[in-house]
Amino acid sequence: MSVADLVKREGPWIKKIIADETWLCGERRGKPVDPKDKEVQDKVCDIIIEKSSDLRRLAERAD
């Protein structure tokens, strides 16, 4: 699978994570937050890395 295929397939999932984390951060702060806020971006990266790691472990067990 190419990187373009992966981005196309996972893009909606990543957009949902960004939207959810933007909303959650705004709730914590009590005011709207930009999706490019450092806290939001850091949390989104953490989630993607964690899920990627989980998927990698599953794939390795399937071999």
PDB file of N, CA and C in Angstrom:
ATOM      1  N   MET A   1       0.848  -1.174   0.000  1.00  0.00           N
ATOM      2  CA  MET A   1       0.000   0.000   0.000  1.00  0.00           C
ATOM      3  C   MET A   1       0.894   1.237   0.000  1.00  0.00           C
ATOM      4  N   SER A   2       0.567   2.181  -0.847  1.00  0.00           N
ATOM      5  CA  SER A   2       1.353   3.410  -0.929  1.00  0.00           C
ATOM      6  C   SER A   2       0.949   4.371   0.193  1.00  0.00           C
ATOM      7  N   VAL A   3       1.787   5.370   0.421  1.00  0.00           N
ATOM      8  CA  VAL A   3       1.483   6.384   1.427  1.00  0.00           C
ATOM      9  C   VAL A   3       0.196   7.126   1.040  1.00  0.00           C
ATOM     10  N   ALA A   4       0.033   7.400  -0.236  1.00  0.00           N
ATOM     11  CA  ALA A   4      -1.179   8.096  -0.700  1.00  0.00           C
ATOM     12  C   ALA A   4      -2.426   7.269  -0.402  1.00  0.00           C
ATOM     13  N   ASP A   5      -2.340   5.948  -0.622  1.00  0.00           N
ATOM     14  CA  ASP A   5      -3.472   5.070  -0.319  1.00  0.00           C
ATOM     15  C   ASP A   5      -3.782   5.074   1.180  1.00  0.00           C
ATOM     16  N   LEU A   6      -2.728   5.044   1.974  1.00  0.00           N
ATOM     17  CA  LEU A   6      -2.899   5.041   3.420  1.00  0.00           C
ATOM     18  C   LEU A   6      -3.547   6.334   3.898  1.00  0.00           C
ATOM     19  N   VAL A   7      -3.074   7.456   3.389  1.00  0.00           N
ATOM     20  CA  VAL A   7      -3.644   8.751   3.779  1.00  0.00           C
ATOM     21  C   VAL A   7      -5.101   8.833   3.348  1.00  0.00           C
ATOM     22  N   LYS A   8      -5.388   8.357   2.157  1.00  0.00           N
ATOM     23  CA  LYS A   8      -6.770   8.382   1.659  1.00  0.00           C
ATOM     24  C   LYS A   8      -7.676   7.525   2.534  1.00  0.00           C
ATOM     25  N   ARG A   9      -7.174   6.358   2.930  1.00  0.00           N
ATOM     26  CA  ARG A   9      -7.964   5.442   3.744  1.00  0.00           C
ATOM     27  C   ARG A   9      -8.121   5.942   5.176  1.00  0.00           C
ATOM     28  N   GLU A  10      -7.053   6.473   5.750  1.00  0.00           N
ATOM     29  CA  GLU A  10      -7.058   6.872   7.153  1.00  0.00           C
ATOM     30  C   GLU A  10      -7.420   8.336   7.372  1.00  0.00           C
ATOM     31  N   GLY A  11      -7.490   9.127   6.306  1.00  0.00           N
ATOM     32  CA  GLY A  11      -7.783  10.552   6.429  1.00  0.00           C
ATOM     33  C   GLY A  11      -9.026  10.880   7.236  1.00  0.00           C
ATOM     34  N   PRO A  12     -10.166  10.245   6.953  1.00  0.00           N
ATOM     35  CA  PRO A  12     -11.373  10.554   7.739  1.00  0.00           C
ATOM     36  C   PRO A  12     -11.208  10.227   9.231  1.00  0.00           C
ATOM     37  N   TRP A  13     -10.498   9.144   9.533  1.00  0.00           N
ATOM     38  CA  TRP A  13     -10.255   8.754  10.923  1.00  0.00           C
ATOM     39  C   TRP A  13      -9.406   9.819  11.617  1.00  0.00           C
ATOM     40  N   ILE A  14      -8.374  10.291  10.947  1.00  0.00           N
ATOM     41  CA  ILE A  14      -7.489  11.311  11.519  1.00  0.00           C
ATOM     42  C   ILE A  14      -8.242  12.632  11.700  1.00  0.00           C
ATOM     43  N   LYS A  15      -9.071  12.996  10.726  1.00  0.00           N
ATOM     44  CA  LYS A  15      -9.863  14.223  10.841  1.00  0.00           C
ATOM     45  C   LYS A  15     -10.812  14.151  12.037  1.00  0.00           C
ATOM     46  N   LYS A  16     -11.384  12.980  12.270  1.00  0.00           N
ATOM     47  CA  LYS A  16     -12.284  12.788  13.418  1.00  0.00           C
ATOM     48  C   LYS A  16     -11.519  12.937  14.726  1.00  0.00           C
ATOM     49  N   ILE A  17     -10.328  12.377  14.810  1.00  0.00           N
ATOM     50  CA  ILE A  17      -9.509  12.513  16.013  1.00  0.00           C
ATOM     51  C   ILE A  17      -9.192  13.982  16.265  1.00  0.00           C
ATOM     52  N   ILE A  18      -8.813  14.705  15.217  1.00  0.00           N
ATOM     53  CA  ILE A  18      -8.508  16.137  15.353  1.00  0.00           C
ATOM     54  C   ILE A  18      -9.736  16.901  15.861  1.00  0.00           C
ATOM     55  N   ALA A  19     -10.892  16.626  15.268  1.00  0.00           N
ATOM     56  CA  ALA A  19     -12.118  17.310  15.688  1.00  0.00           C
ATOM     57  C   ALA A  19     -12.450  16.992  17.144  1.00  0.00           C
ATOM     58  N   ASP A  20     -12.346  15.726  17.516  1.00  0.00           N
ATOM     59  CA  ASP A  20     -12.656  15.325  18.894  1.00  0.00           C
ATOM     60  C   ASP A  20     -11.702  15.965  19.894  1.00  0.00           C
ATOM     61  N   GLU A  21     -10.420  15.932  19.596  1.00  0.00           N
ATOM     62  CA  GLU A  21      -9.429  16.501  20.517  1.00  0.00           C
ATOM     63  C   GLU A  21      -9.539  18.021  20.586  1.00  0.00           C
ATOM     64  N   THR A  22      -9.890  18.670  19.482  1.00  0.00           N
ATOM     65  CA  THR A  22     -10.101  20.121  19.493  1.00  0.00           C
ATOM     66  C   THR A  22     -11.266  20.468  20.413  1.00  0.00           C
ATOM     67  N   TRP A  23     -12.341  19.708  20.292  1.00  0.00           N
ATOM     68  CA  TRP A  23     -13.513  19.936  21.135  1.00  0.00           C
ATOM     69  C   TRP A  23     -13.181  19.684  22.606  1.00  0.00           C
ATOM     70  N   LEU A  24     -12.506  18.563  22.892  1.00  0.00           N
ATOM     71  CA  LEU A  24     -12.164  18.236  24.280  1.00  0.00           C
ATOM     72  C   LEU A  24     -11.265  19.307  24.912  1.00  0.00           C
ATOM     73  N   CYS A  25     -10.284  19.753  24.172  1.00  0.00           N
ATOM     74  CA  CYS A  25      -9.381  20.791  24.679  1.00  0.00           C
ATOM     75  C   CYS A  25     -10.162  22.083  24.941  1.00  0.00           C
ATOM     76  N   GLY A  26     -11.071  22.420  24.045  1.00  0.00           N
ATOM     77  CA  GLY A  26     -11.918  23.599  24.240  1.00  0.00           C
ATOM     78  C   GLY A  26     -12.794  23.473  25.470  1.00  0.00           C
ATOM     79  N   GLU A  27     -13.306  22.275  25.716  1.00  0.00           N
ATOM     80  CA  GLU A  27     -14.115  22.037  26.913  1.00  0.00           C
ATOM     81  C   GLU A  27     -13.280  22.224  28.176  1.00  0.00           C
ATOM     82  N   ARG A  28     -12.058  21.704  28.164  1.00  0.00           N
ATOM     83  CA  ARG A  28     -11.182  21.839  29.332  1.00  0.00           C
ATOM     84  C   ARG A  28     -10.838  23.301  29.605  1.00  0.00           C
ATOM     85  N   ARG A  29     -10.607  24.054  28.544  1.00  0.00           N
ATOM     86  CA  ARG A  29     -10.224  25.461  28.703  1.00  0.00           C
ATOM     87  C   ARG A  29     -11.421  26.394  28.872  1.00  0.00           C
ATOM     88  N   GLY A  30     -12.589  25.921  28.493  1.00  0.00           N
ATOM     89  CA  GLY A  30     -13.786  26.750  28.602  1.00  0.00           C
ATOM     90  C   GLY A  30     -13.912  27.784  27.510  1.00  0.00           C
ATOM     91  N   LYS A  31     -13.219  27.550  26.398  1.00  0.00           N
ATOM     92  CA  LYS A  31     -13.305  28.471  25.258  1.00  0.00           C
ATOM     93  C   LYS A  31     -12.879  27.711  23.996  1.00  0.00           C
ATOM     94  N   PRO A  32     -13.279  28.217  22.813  1.00  0.00           N
ATOM     95  CA  PRO A  32     -12.900  27.539  21.566  1.00  0.00           C
ATOM     96  C   PRO A  32     -11.384  27.450  21.406  1.00  0.00           C
ATOM     97  N   VAL A  33     -10.946  26.361  20.783  1.00  0.00           N
ATOM     98  CA  VAL A  33      -9.521  26.115  20.557  1.00  0.00           C
ATOM     99  C   VAL A  33      -9.319  25.830  19.068  1.00  0.00           C
ATOM    100  N   ASP A  34      -8.238  26.313  18.524  1.00  0.00           N
ATOM    101  CA  ASP A  34      -7.893  26.066  17.130  1.00  0.00           C
ATOM    102  C   ASP A  34      -7.322  24.648  16.986  1.00  0.00           C
ATOM    103  N   PRO A  35      -7.667  23.945  15.931  1.00  0.00           N
ATOM    104  CA  PRO A  35      -7.104  22.599  15.724  1.00  0.00           C
ATOM    105  C   PRO A  35      -5.582  22.587  15.627  1.00  0.00           C
ATOM    106  N   LYS A  36      -4.976  23.734  15.345  1.00  0.00           N
ATOM    107  CA  LYS A  36      -3.515  23.805  15.240  1.00  0.00           C
ATOM    108  C   LYS A  36      -2.860  24.129  16.584  1.00  0.00           C
ATOM    109  N   ASP A  37      -3.657  24.178  17.626  1.00  0.00           N
ATOM    110  CA  ASP A  37      -3.140  24.397  18.974  1.00  0.00           C
ATOM    111  C   ASP A  37      -2.151  23.279  19.316  1.00  0.00           C
ATOM    112  N   LYS A  38      -1.052  23.630  19.958  1.00  0.00           N
ATOM    113  CA  LYS A  38      -0.005  22.652  20.252  1.00  0.00           C
ATOM    114  C   LYS A  38      -0.527  21.481  21.093  1.00  0.00           C
ATOM    115  N   GLU A  39      -1.355  21.755  22.078  1.00  0.00           N
ATOM    116  CA  GLU A  39      -1.900  20.684  22.923  1.00  0.00           C
ATOM    117  C   GLU A  39      -2.732  19.697  22.088  1.00  0.00           C
ATOM    118  N   VAL A  40      -3.547  20.228  21.191  1.00  0.00           N
ATOM    119  CA  VAL A  40      -4.367  19.374  20.322  1.00  0.00           C
ATOM    120  C   VAL A  40      -3.462  18.535  19.422  1.00  0.00           C
ATOM    121  N   GLN A  41      -2.507  19.176  18.781  1.00  0.00           N
ATOM    122  CA  GLN A  41      -1.623  18.450  17.868  1.00  0.00           C
ATOM    123  C   GLN A  41      -0.823  17.373  18.592  1.00  0.00           C
ATOM    124  N   ASP A  42      -0.335  17.681  19.786  1.00  0.00           N
ATOM    125  CA  ASP A  42       0.419  16.683  20.554  1.00  0.00           C
ATOM    126  C   ASP A  42      -0.450  15.478  20.898  1.00  0.00           C
ATOM    127  N   LYS A  43      -1.672  15.720  21.322  1.00  0.00           N
ATOM    128  CA  LYS A  43      -2.576  14.620  21.694  1.00  0.00           C
ATOM    129  C   LYS A  43      -2.931  13.783  20.468  1.00  0.00           C
ATOM    130  N   VAL A  44      -3.205  14.431  19.338  1.00  0.00           N
ATOM    131  CA  VAL A  44      -3.524  13.700  18.106  1.00  0.00           C
ATOM    132  C   VAL A  44      -2.343  12.814  17.710  1.00  0.00           C
ATOM    133  N   CYS A  45      -1.149  13.342  17.776  1.00  0.00           N
ATOM    134  CA  CYS A  45       0.041  12.541  17.455  1.00  0.00           C
ATOM    135  C   CYS A  45       0.168  11.355  18.393  1.00  0.00           C
ATOM    136  N   ASP A  46      -0.058  11.566  19.687  1.00  0.00           N
ATOM    137  CA  ASP A  46       0.012  10.468  20.656  1.00  0.00           C
ATOM    138  C   ASP A  46      -0.992   9.368  20.319  1.00  0.00           C
ATOM    139  N   ILE A  47      -2.199   9.753  19.963  1.00  0.00           N
ATOM    140  CA  ILE A  47      -3.239   8.771  19.631  1.00  0.00           C
ATOM    141  C   ILE A  47      -2.858   7.989  18.389  1.00  0.00           C
ATOM    142  N   ILE A  48      -2.404   8.674  17.355  1.00  0.00           N
ATOM    143  CA  ILE A  48      -2.040   8.001  16.112  1.00  0.00           C
ATOM    144  C   ILE A  48      -0.868   7.051  16.333  1.00  0.00           C
ATOM    145  N   ILE A  49       0.120   7.488  17.081  1.00  0.00           N
ATOM    146  CA  ILE A  49       1.275   6.621  17.362  1.00  0.00           C
ATOM    147  C   ILE A  49       0.833   5.390  18.154  1.00  0.00           C
ATOM    148  N   GLU A  50      -0.024   5.583  19.147  1.00  0.00           N
ATOM    149  CA  GLU A  50      -0.505   4.452  19.956  1.00  0.00           C
ATOM    150  C   GLU A  50      -1.278   3.459  19.096  1.00  0.00           C
ATOM    151  N   LYS A  51      -2.193   3.955  18.284  1.00  0.00           N
ATOM    152  CA  LYS A  51      -2.997   3.059  17.431  1.00  0.00           C
ATOM    153  C   LYS A  51      -2.130   2.360  16.393  1.00  0.00           C
ATOM    154  N   SER A  52      -1.165   3.069  15.832  1.00  0.00           N
ATOM    155  CA  SER A  52      -0.257   2.458  14.859  1.00  0.00           C
ATOM    156  C   SER A  52       0.538   1.335  15.499  1.00  0.00           C
ATOM    157  N   SER A  53       0.966   1.555  16.724  1.00  0.00           N
ATOM    158  CA  SER A  53       1.706   0.539  17.454  1.00  0.00           C
ATOM    159  C   SER A  53       0.824  -0.688  17.711  1.00  0.00           C
ATOM    160  N   ASP A  54      -0.419  -0.459  18.089  1.00  0.00           N
ATOM    161  CA  ASP A  54      -1.361  -1.565  18.307  1.00  0.00           C
ATOM    162  C   ASP A  54      -1.564  -2.366  17.026  1.00  0.00           C
ATOM    163  N   LEU A  55      -1.742  -1.669  15.903  1.00  0.00           N
ATOM    164  CA  LEU A  55      -1.949  -2.345  14.623  1.00  0.00           C
ATOM    165  C   LEU A  55      -0.710  -3.144  14.211  1.00  0.00           C
ATOM    166  N   ARG A  56       0.458  -2.595  14.474  1.00  0.00           N
ATOM    167  CA  ARG A  56       1.704  -3.289  14.141  1.00  0.00           C
ATOM    168  C   ARG A  56       1.812  -4.592  14.942  1.00  0.00           C
ATOM    169  N   ARG A  57       1.491  -4.531  16.221  1.00  0.00           N
ATOM    170  CA  ARG A  57       1.541  -5.744  17.056  1.00  0.00           C
ATOM    171  C   ARG A  57       0.556  -6.793  16.560  1.00  0.00           C
ATOM    172  N   LEU A  58      -0.637  -6.374  16.176  1.00  0.00           N
ATOM    173  CA  LEU A  58      -1.625  -7.312  15.649  1.00  0.00           C
ATOM    174  C   LEU A  58      -1.132  -7.967  14.360  1.00  0.00           C
ATOM    175  N   ALA A  59      -0.537  -7.164  13.484  1.00  0.00           N
ATOM    176  CA  ALA A  59      -0.030  -7.688  12.223  1.00  0.00           C
ATOM    177  C   ALA A  59       1.108  -8.675  12.458  1.00  0.00           C
ATOM    178  N   GLU A  60       1.973  -8.379  13.418  1.00  0.00           N
ATOM    179  CA  GLU A  60       3.088  -9.281  13.714  1.00  0.00           C
ATOM    180  C   GLU A  60       2.588 -10.611  14.262  1.00  0.00           C
ATOM    181  N   ARG A  61       1.533 -10.591  15.051  1.00  0.00           N
ATOM    182  CA  ARG A  61       0.971 -11.844  15.592  1.00  0.00           C
ATOM    183  C   ARG A  61       0.294 -12.665  14.506  1.00  0.00           C
ATOM    184  N   ALA A  62      -0.216 -11.985  13.471  1.00  0.00           N
ATOM    185  CA  ALA A  62      -0.902 -12.697  12.388  1.00  0.00           C
ATOM    186  C   ALA A  62       0.063 -13.461  11.477  1.00  0.00           C
ATOM    187  N   ASP A  63       1.350 -13.117  11.540  1.00  0.00           N
ATOM    188  CA  ASP A  63       2.337 -13.779  10.675  1.00  0.00           C
ATOM    189  C   ASP A  63       2.608 -15.193  11.096  1.00  0.00           C
TER     190      ASP A  63
END
